[in-house]
Protein backbone atom coordinates (compact mmCIF):
# COMPACT_ATOMS: atom_id res chain seq x y z
CA UNK A 1 43.77 70.12 78.59
CA UNK A 2 41.52 71.91 81.05
CA UNK A 3 38.61 73.91 79.76
CA UNK A 4 38.42 77.72 80.36
CA UNK A 5 35.55 77.17 82.77
CA UNK A 6 37.83 75.03 84.95
CA UNK A 7 40.66 77.55 85.15
CA UNK A 8 40.79 81.08 83.82
CA UNK A 9 37.19 82.14 84.32
CA UNK A 10 36.95 80.99 87.94
CA UNK A 11 40.33 82.47 88.84
CA UNK A 12 39.45 85.78 87.25
CA UNK A 13 36.24 85.96 89.24
CA UNK A 14 38.11 85.20 92.47
CA UNK A 15 40.69 87.86 91.72
CA UNK A 16 37.98 90.39 90.93
CA UNK A 17 36.13 89.77 94.20
CA UNK A 18 36.75 92.63 96.65
CA UNK A 19 38.76 91.81 99.75
CA UNK A 20 37.00 92.24 103.07
CA UNK A 21 37.93 95.27 105.12
CA UNK A 22 38.45 95.11 108.88
CA UNK A 23 36.11 97.15 111.06
CA UNK A 24 37.63 98.21 114.39
CA UNK A 25 35.38 98.76 117.42
CA UNK A 26 37.90 99.53 120.14
CA UNK A 27 41.10 98.70 121.98
CA UNK A 28 41.28 96.23 124.88
CA UNK A 29 43.91 94.31 126.86
CA UNK A 30 45.36 91.40 124.89
CA UNK A 31 43.89 88.78 127.23
CA UNK A 32 40.30 89.77 126.41
CA UNK A 33 38.43 87.16 124.39
CA UNK A 34 35.07 87.79 122.72
CA UNK A 35 32.24 85.38 123.36
CA UNK A 36 32.04 82.65 120.73
CA UNK A 37 28.67 83.84 119.44
CA UNK A 38 29.44 87.58 119.59
CA UNK A 39 28.54 89.38 116.37
CA UNK A 40 28.99 92.98 115.30
CA UNK A 41 28.10 95.09 112.29
CA UNK A 42 26.28 93.13 109.55
CA UNK A 43 26.21 90.17 111.97
CA UNK A 44 29.88 89.43 111.37
CA UNK A 45 31.71 87.42 114.07
CA UNK A 46 33.83 89.46 116.47
CA UNK A 47 37.55 88.68 116.45
CA UNK A 48 40.57 89.98 118.32
CA UNK A 49 43.83 91.17 116.78
CA UNK A 50 46.67 91.36 119.29
CA UNK A 51 49.96 93.21 119.49
CA UNK A 52 51.97 92.80 122.67
CA UNK A 53 49.77 93.59 125.67
CA UNK A 54 47.00 95.30 123.71
CA UNK A 55 44.46 94.21 121.14
CA UNK A 56 41.71 95.43 118.84
CA UNK A 57 38.13 94.17 118.72
CA UNK A 58 37.36 93.75 115.03
CA UNK A 59 35.11 92.09 112.46
CA UNK A 60 35.28 91.66 108.70
CA UNK A 61 33.17 94.00 106.62
CA UNK A 62 32.24 94.18 102.96
CA UNK A 63 33.97 97.34 101.68
CA UNK A 64 31.12 97.91 99.21
CA UNK A 65 28.39 97.77 101.85
CA UNK A 66 27.19 101.09 103.20
CA UNK A 67 27.80 101.92 106.87
CA UNK A 68 25.69 104.19 109.04
CA UNK A 69 22.30 102.58 109.56
CA UNK A 70 20.75 102.63 113.05
CA UNK A 71 21.46 98.88 113.26
CA UNK A 72 25.15 99.54 112.51
CA UNK A 73 25.38 102.17 115.23
CA UNK A 74 23.64 99.89 117.72
CA UNK A 75 25.95 97.00 116.89
CA UNK A 76 29.01 99.21 117.37
CA UNK A 77 27.81 100.39 120.79
CA UNK A 78 26.63 96.91 121.81
CA UNK A 79 30.10 95.41 121.37
CA UNK A 80 31.82 98.24 123.23
CA UNK A 81 29.31 98.46 126.08
CA UNK A 82 29.25 94.70 126.52
CA UNK A 83 33.03 94.62 126.74
CA UNK A 84 33.04 97.39 129.35
CA UNK A 85 31.27 95.02 131.78
CA UNK A 86 34.32 92.75 131.93
CA UNK A 87 37.37 94.76 130.84
CA UNK A 88 38.62 98.29 130.13
CA UNK A 89 37.94 99.36 126.56
CA UNK A 90 38.99 102.36 124.48
CA UNK A 91 36.20 103.03 121.98
CA UNK A 92 37.05 104.11 118.47
CA UNK A 93 34.68 106.42 116.65
CA UNK A 94 32.05 104.74 114.53
CA UNK A 95 33.26 103.95 111.02
CA UNK A 96 36.90 102.98 111.67
CA UNK A 97 37.86 100.54 108.90
CA UNK A 98 41.32 99.32 107.90
CA UNK A 99 42.36 97.27 104.90
CA UNK A 100 43.38 94.06 106.71
CA UNK A 101 44.58 92.59 110.00
CA UNK A 102 48.20 93.56 109.33
CA UNK A 103 47.08 97.17 108.97
CA UNK A 104 45.30 96.93 112.32
CA UNK A 105 48.58 95.87 113.90
CA UNK A 106 50.98 98.16 112.05
CA UNK A 107 48.89 101.31 111.54
CA UNK A 108 46.89 101.30 114.75
CA UNK A 109 48.18 99.10 117.57
CA UNK A 110 51.93 99.41 117.04
CA UNK A 111 51.77 103.12 116.27
CA UNK A 112 49.87 103.92 119.50
CA UNK A 113 51.02 101.03 121.69
CA UNK A 114 52.27 103.03 124.69
CA UNK A 115 49.35 105.45 124.57
CA UNK A 116 46.78 102.68 124.45
CA UNK A 117 48.45 100.62 127.17
CA UNK A 118 48.60 103.61 129.53
CA UNK A 119 44.96 104.53 128.93
CA UNK A 120 43.82 100.95 129.52
CA UNK A 121 45.73 100.86 132.80
CA UNK A 122 43.97 104.05 133.96
CA UNK A 123 40.57 102.63 133.02
CA UNK A 124 41.07 99.29 134.75
CA UNK A 125 37.99 98.51 136.83
CA UNK A 126 36.10 101.60 135.60
CA UNK A 127 33.21 102.26 133.24
CA UNK A 128 31.06 105.17 132.15
CA UNK A 129 27.57 105.77 133.48
CA UNK A 130 25.02 108.34 132.35
CA UNK A 131 22.98 110.19 134.96
CA UNK A 132 19.90 111.52 133.17
CA UNK A 133 17.00 113.59 134.39
CA UNK A 134 13.99 114.94 132.53
CA UNK A 135 11.53 117.50 133.84
CA UNK A 136 7.93 116.46 134.29
CA UNK A 137 6.34 118.98 131.91
CA UNK A 138 3.23 119.86 133.88
CA UNK A 139 5.12 120.21 137.14
CA UNK A 140 7.98 122.32 135.82
CA UNK A 141 5.69 124.67 133.86
CA UNK A 142 3.57 125.21 136.94
CA UNK A 143 6.73 125.89 138.95
CA UNK A 144 7.95 128.48 136.44
CA UNK A 145 4.57 130.21 136.27
CA UNK A 146 4.28 130.30 140.07
CA UNK A 147 7.73 131.89 140.33
CA UNK A 148 7.30 134.45 137.53
CA UNK A 149 4.47 137.00 137.70
CA UNK A 150 4.87 137.98 134.05
CA UNK A 151 4.53 134.37 132.97
CA UNK A 152 1.45 134.01 135.17
CA UNK A 153 -0.14 137.10 133.61
CA UNK A 154 0.61 135.92 130.07
CA UNK A 155 -0.80 132.49 130.81
CA UNK A 156 -4.05 134.02 132.03
CA UNK A 157 -4.26 136.25 128.96
CA UNK A 158 -4.10 133.33 126.54
CA UNK A 159 -6.22 130.90 128.48
CA UNK A 160 -9.21 129.74 126.41
CA UNK A 161 -8.36 132.30 123.70
CA UNK A 162 -7.90 131.52 119.99
CA UNK A 163 -4.26 130.97 119.06
CA UNK A 164 -4.36 133.46 116.18
CA UNK A 165 -5.39 136.25 118.56
CA UNK A 166 -2.77 135.54 121.20
CA UNK A 167 0.27 134.68 119.08
CA UNK A 168 2.48 137.45 120.52
CA UNK A 169 1.62 136.56 124.11
CA UNK A 170 2.25 132.89 123.43
CA UNK A 171 5.67 133.69 121.95
CA UNK A 172 6.54 135.88 124.94
CA UNK A 173 5.47 133.16 127.35
CA UNK A 174 7.52 130.60 125.42
CA UNK A 175 10.63 132.78 125.70
CA UNK A 176 10.15 133.21 129.45
CA UNK A 177 9.72 129.46 129.92
CA UNK A 178 12.75 128.73 127.74
CA UNK A 179 15.02 131.05 129.74
CA UNK A 180 13.64 129.72 133.01
CA UNK A 181 14.33 126.14 131.94
CA UNK A 182 17.93 127.03 131.10
CA UNK A 183 18.42 128.52 134.56
CA UNK A 184 16.76 125.58 136.30
CA UNK A 185 18.79 123.10 134.24
CA UNK A 186 22.01 124.83 135.27
CA UNK A 187 20.98 124.87 138.93
CA UNK A 188 19.78 121.25 138.98
CA UNK A 189 22.92 120.09 137.18
CA UNK A 190 24.96 121.82 139.88
CA UNK A 191 22.95 120.05 142.59
CA UNK A 192 23.54 116.71 140.87
CA UNK A 193 27.28 117.35 140.57
CA UNK A 194 27.41 118.10 144.31
CA UNK A 195 25.65 114.81 145.03
CA UNK A 196 28.09 112.91 142.79
CA UNK A 197 31.22 114.64 144.12
CA UNK A 198 31.86 112.15 146.97
CA UNK A 199 31.91 109.33 144.40
CA UNK A 200 33.97 110.85 141.58
CA UNK A 201 35.17 114.12 140.13
CA UNK A 202 35.60 112.60 136.66
CA UNK A 203 32.43 113.87 135.04
CA UNK A 204 31.30 115.51 131.81
CA UNK A 205 28.16 117.62 131.51
CA UNK A 206 26.45 116.99 128.20
CA UNK A 207 24.39 119.54 126.32
CA UNK A 208 20.63 118.93 126.48
CA UNK A 209 19.09 117.03 123.59
CA UNK A 210 15.50 117.89 124.53
CA UNK A 211 13.88 121.06 125.88
CA UNK A 212 12.79 119.21 129.01
CA UNK A 213 16.19 117.69 129.81
CA UNK A 214 17.11 118.57 133.38
CA UNK A 215 20.40 116.70 133.81
CA UNK A 216 22.75 114.87 131.45
CA UNK A 217 26.01 113.96 133.14
CA UNK A 218 28.53 111.32 132.10
CA UNK A 219 30.38 109.77 135.05
CA UNK A 220 33.53 107.65 135.03
CA UNK A 221 33.40 105.40 138.08
CA UNK A 222 34.75 102.15 139.47
CA UNK A 223 32.29 99.40 138.58
CA UNK A 224 32.53 98.14 142.17
CA UNK A 225 30.90 101.40 143.31
CA UNK A 226 27.86 101.12 141.07
CA UNK A 227 25.61 100.44 144.07
CA UNK A 228 26.67 103.75 145.61
CA UNK A 229 25.91 105.58 142.38
CA UNK A 230 22.51 103.93 142.15
CA UNK A 231 21.79 105.04 145.71
CA UNK A 232 22.84 108.63 144.98
CA UNK A 233 20.65 108.82 141.88
CA UNK A 234 17.80 107.18 143.78
CA UNK A 235 18.07 109.80 146.52
CA UNK A 236 17.83 112.56 143.91
CA UNK A 237 14.82 110.88 142.33
CA UNK A 238 13.11 110.82 145.72
CA UNK A 239 14.06 114.43 146.37
CA UNK A 240 12.66 115.52 142.99
CA UNK A 241 9.64 113.20 143.00
CA UNK A 242 7.05 114.31 140.39
CA UNK A 243 9.40 117.12 139.26
CA UNK A 244 12.29 115.32 137.57
CA UNK A 245 12.34 111.75 136.32
CA UNK A 246 15.81 110.36 137.02
CA UNK A 247 17.51 107.51 135.18
CA UNK A 248 20.91 105.81 135.41
CA UNK A 249 22.35 104.16 132.29
CA UNK A 250 25.40 101.90 132.29
CA UNK A 251 27.93 100.54 132.63
CA UNK A 252 29.07 101.49 129.15
CA UNK A 253 32.28 102.21 127.29
CA UNK A 254 33.93 105.53 128.31
CA UNK A 255 32.88 107.49 125.23
CA UNK A 256 33.01 110.87 126.99
CA UNK A 257 36.43 110.32 128.55
CA UNK A 258 38.49 108.63 125.84
CA UNK A 259 39.20 109.82 122.33
CA UNK A 260 41.18 107.05 120.70
CA UNK A 261 43.02 107.93 117.48
CA UNK A 262 40.85 107.35 114.43
CA UNK A 263 41.85 104.38 112.32
CA UNK A 264 42.86 105.23 108.75
CA UNK A 265 40.12 104.87 106.19
CA UNK A 266 40.26 101.94 103.82
């Protein structure tokens, strides 16, 4: 007769072990195949779960392991952005986890099959790019002061004076500069949109994340036209030399243009 260590104890431990959940990154055409060494959150291998003409990029995840570290967020974006270089992808919001692969098919892919397929068709050959500009602090402050006599007067009044004696003037100057930056940001964003208009009208203006942000515009564009976009941004950088530092980021997944249904929580 077998001993308990050979049967019951081992089986009980196996049954008590938590099943892995399935983390879903995004939706792609069914013919997309991840690279063999592609890894996602917690370094788990990337797999594909298919249903008809669509599929989900997924990886196994320990349901007891916490999600939300910077490394997790970077891994999520890395998989989506890397896929956008070679195929259309519909990103899911960070944290989409389903119980198993059958749930991915039945609760996500099958339920939204037509919607996903249509969106992927529209995104074929396209990716998102971010056009970013940040004011050069010294230049933009000098520009504001030169254009505003009140700001110039306040600046002179606080120059070389102790902070505790000029607090009110410093606050007033800060308010003037803040309002001026808002106006300049709006104007410079408008100029950028005009420059981008011949390339695409599918754009989203993002809110600034820093006081010195000049431009933050998400652009959905055919990947084949990336050279034209680079040229347009380069022309702006030359036009705003030493005033605004311009940067183009992408291609990336179309986060600002697609809101895929959120997968059910595990």
